[in-house]
Amino acid sequence: MEPVHISELVFEVIEEAEGGYSAECLTENIFTQGDTWEELRANVREAVEAFFFDRPKPQSIRLHLVRDEVLSLG
């Protein structure tokens, strides 16, 4: 049976309270982090390359930044 080729991976990215970013793939078991956005991008690429080392790689990677903010009304 031919392996399914994934065209795009989506990562949910969270800006950590103590600084930096963490990213978790929504469909594969891939997790990484970085101190800056540029470092995170490089680490996501590296993690995806390693995860798919022996099979076809996705065509694109989407980084979805999730921002959680609480506003006080009092």
C-alpha atoms as a PDB file:
ATOM      1  CA  MET A   1       0.000   0.000   0.000  1.00  0.00           C
ATOM      2  CA  GLU A   2       1.341   3.424  -1.011  1.00  0.00           C
ATOM      3  CA  PRO A   3       1.969   5.836   1.925  1.00  0.00           C
ATOM      4  CA  VAL A   4      -0.301   8.874   2.051  1.00  0.00           C
ATOM      5  CA  HIS A   5       1.474  12.072   0.999  1.00  0.00           C
ATOM      6  CA  ILE A   6       0.740  15.049   3.248  1.00  0.00           C
ATOM      7  CA  SER A   7       0.621  18.365   1.384  1.00  0.00           C
ATOM      8  CA  GLU A   8       0.651  20.672   4.429  1.00  0.00           C
ATOM      9  CA  LEU A   9       1.452  20.362   8.131  1.00  0.00           C
ATOM     10  CA  VAL A  10      -0.114  22.795  10.594  1.00  0.00           C
ATOM     11  CA  PHE A  11       1.668  23.735  13.815  1.00  0.00           C
ATOM     12  CA  GLU A  12      -0.056  25.510  16.677  1.00  0.00           C
ATOM     13  CA  VAL A  13       2.454  28.038  18.027  1.00  0.00           C
ATOM     14  CA  ILE A  14       2.238  29.505  21.523  1.00  0.00           C
ATOM     15  CA  GLU A  15       4.260  32.431  22.837  1.00  0.00           C
ATOM     16  CA  GLU A  16       5.496  31.250  26.231  1.00  0.00           C
ATOM     17  CA  ALA A  17       5.030  33.523  29.263  1.00  0.00           C
ATOM     18  CA  GLU A  18       8.707  33.134  30.204  1.00  0.00           C
ATOM     19  CA  GLY A  19       9.764  33.990  26.635  1.00  0.00           C
ATOM     20  CA  GLY A  20      10.216  32.114  23.411  1.00  0.00           C
ATOM     21  CA  TYR A  21       7.804  29.995  21.422  1.00  0.00           C
ATOM     22  CA  SER A  22       6.651  26.386  21.385  1.00  0.00           C
ATOM     23  CA  ALA A  23       5.115  24.653  18.374  1.00  0.00           C
ATOM     24  CA  GLU A  24       3.122  21.435  18.188  1.00  0.00           C
ATOM     25  CA  CYS A  25       1.982  19.755  14.986  1.00  0.00           C
ATOM     26  CA  LEU A  26      -1.766  19.105  14.948  1.00  0.00           C
ATOM     27  CA  THR A  27      -1.581  15.856  12.939  1.00  0.00           C
ATOM     28  CA  GLU A  28       1.830  14.304  13.632  1.00  0.00           C
ATOM     29  CA  ASN A  29       3.841  13.726  16.804  1.00  0.00           C
ATOM     30  CA  ILE A  30       6.207  16.683  16.249  1.00  0.00           C
ATOM     31  CA  PHE A  31       6.999  19.281  18.906  1.00  0.00           C
ATOM     32  CA  THR A  32       9.741  21.915  19.056  1.00  0.00           C
ATOM     33  CA  GLN A  33      10.532  25.334  20.475  1.00  0.00           C
ATOM     34  CA  GLY A  34      12.714  28.385  19.916  1.00  0.00           C
ATOM     35  CA  ASP A  35      13.801  31.521  21.754  1.00  0.00           C
ATOM     36  CA  THR A  36      12.952  33.745  18.760  1.00  0.00           C
ATOM     37  CA  TRP A  37      10.515  33.454  15.845  1.00  0.00           C
ATOM     38  CA  GLU A  38      13.423  32.887  13.453  1.00  0.00           C
ATOM     39  CA  GLU A  39      14.856  30.130  15.667  1.00  0.00           C
ATOM     40  CA  LEU A  40      11.421  28.511  15.955  1.00  0.00           C
ATOM     41  CA  ARG A  41      11.038  28.503  12.152  1.00  0.00           C
ATOM     42  CA  ALA A  42      14.436  26.843  11.727  1.00  0.00           C
ATOM     43  CA  ASN A  43      13.672  24.281  14.458  1.00  0.00           C
ATOM     44  CA  VAL A  44      10.275  23.426  12.935  1.00  0.00           C
ATOM     45  CA  ARG A  45      11.916  22.826   9.535  1.00  0.00           C
ATOM     46  CA  GLU A  46      14.609  20.657  11.146  1.00  0.00           C
ATOM     47  CA  ALA A  47      12.048  18.653  13.151  1.00  0.00           C
ATOM     48  CA  VAL A  48       9.882  18.044  10.068  1.00  0.00           C
ATOM     49  CA  GLU A  49      12.919  17.005   7.989  1.00  0.00           C
ATOM     50  CA  ALA A  50      13.916  14.520  10.700  1.00  0.00           C
ATOM     51  CA  PHE A  51      10.369  13.175  11.147  1.00  0.00           C
ATOM     52  CA  PHE A  52       9.961  12.551   7.398  1.00  0.00           C
ATOM     53  CA  PHE A  53      13.554  11.396   6.761  1.00  0.00           C
ATOM     54  CA  ASP A  54      12.465   8.154   5.083  1.00  0.00           C
ATOM     55  CA  ARG A  55       9.249   9.204   3.343  1.00  0.00           C
ATOM     56  CA  PRO A  56       7.897  12.081   1.214  1.00  0.00           C
ATOM     57  CA  LYS A  57       7.963  15.424   2.995  1.00  0.00           C
ATOM     58  CA  PRO A  58       4.977  17.787   3.056  1.00  0.00           C
ATOM     59  CA  GLN A  59       4.962  20.600   0.499  1.00  0.00           C
ATOM     60  CA  SER A  60       4.409  23.306   3.109  1.00  0.00           C
ATOM     61  CA  ILE A  61       4.310  24.030   6.831  1.00  0.00           C
ATOM     62  CA  ARG A  62       1.792  26.437   8.365  1.00  0.00           C
ATOM     63  CA  LEU A  63       2.662  28.111  11.676  1.00  0.00           C
ATOM     64  CA  HIS A  64      -0.531  29.207  13.421  1.00  0.00           C
ATOM     65  CA  LEU A  65       0.259  31.617  16.257  1.00  0.00           C
ATOM     66  CA  VAL A  66      -2.281  31.356  19.070  1.00  0.00           C
ATOM     67  CA  ARG A  67      -2.491  34.329  21.390  1.00  0.00           C
ATOM     68  CA  ASP A  68      -4.270  34.024  24.705  1.00  0.00           C
ATOM     69  CA  GLU A  69      -5.039  37.362  26.379  1.00  0.00           C
ATOM     70  CA  VAL A  70      -7.302  38.147  29.317  1.00  0.00           C
ATOM     71  CA  LEU A  71      -8.872  41.609  29.527  1.00  0.00           C
ATOM     72  CA  SER A  72     -10.136  42.941  32.836  1.00  0.00           C
ATOM     73  CA  LEU A  73     -13.462  44.741  32.826  1.00  0.00           C
ATOM     74  CA  GLY A  74     -13.354  45.784  36.475  1.00  0.00           C
END
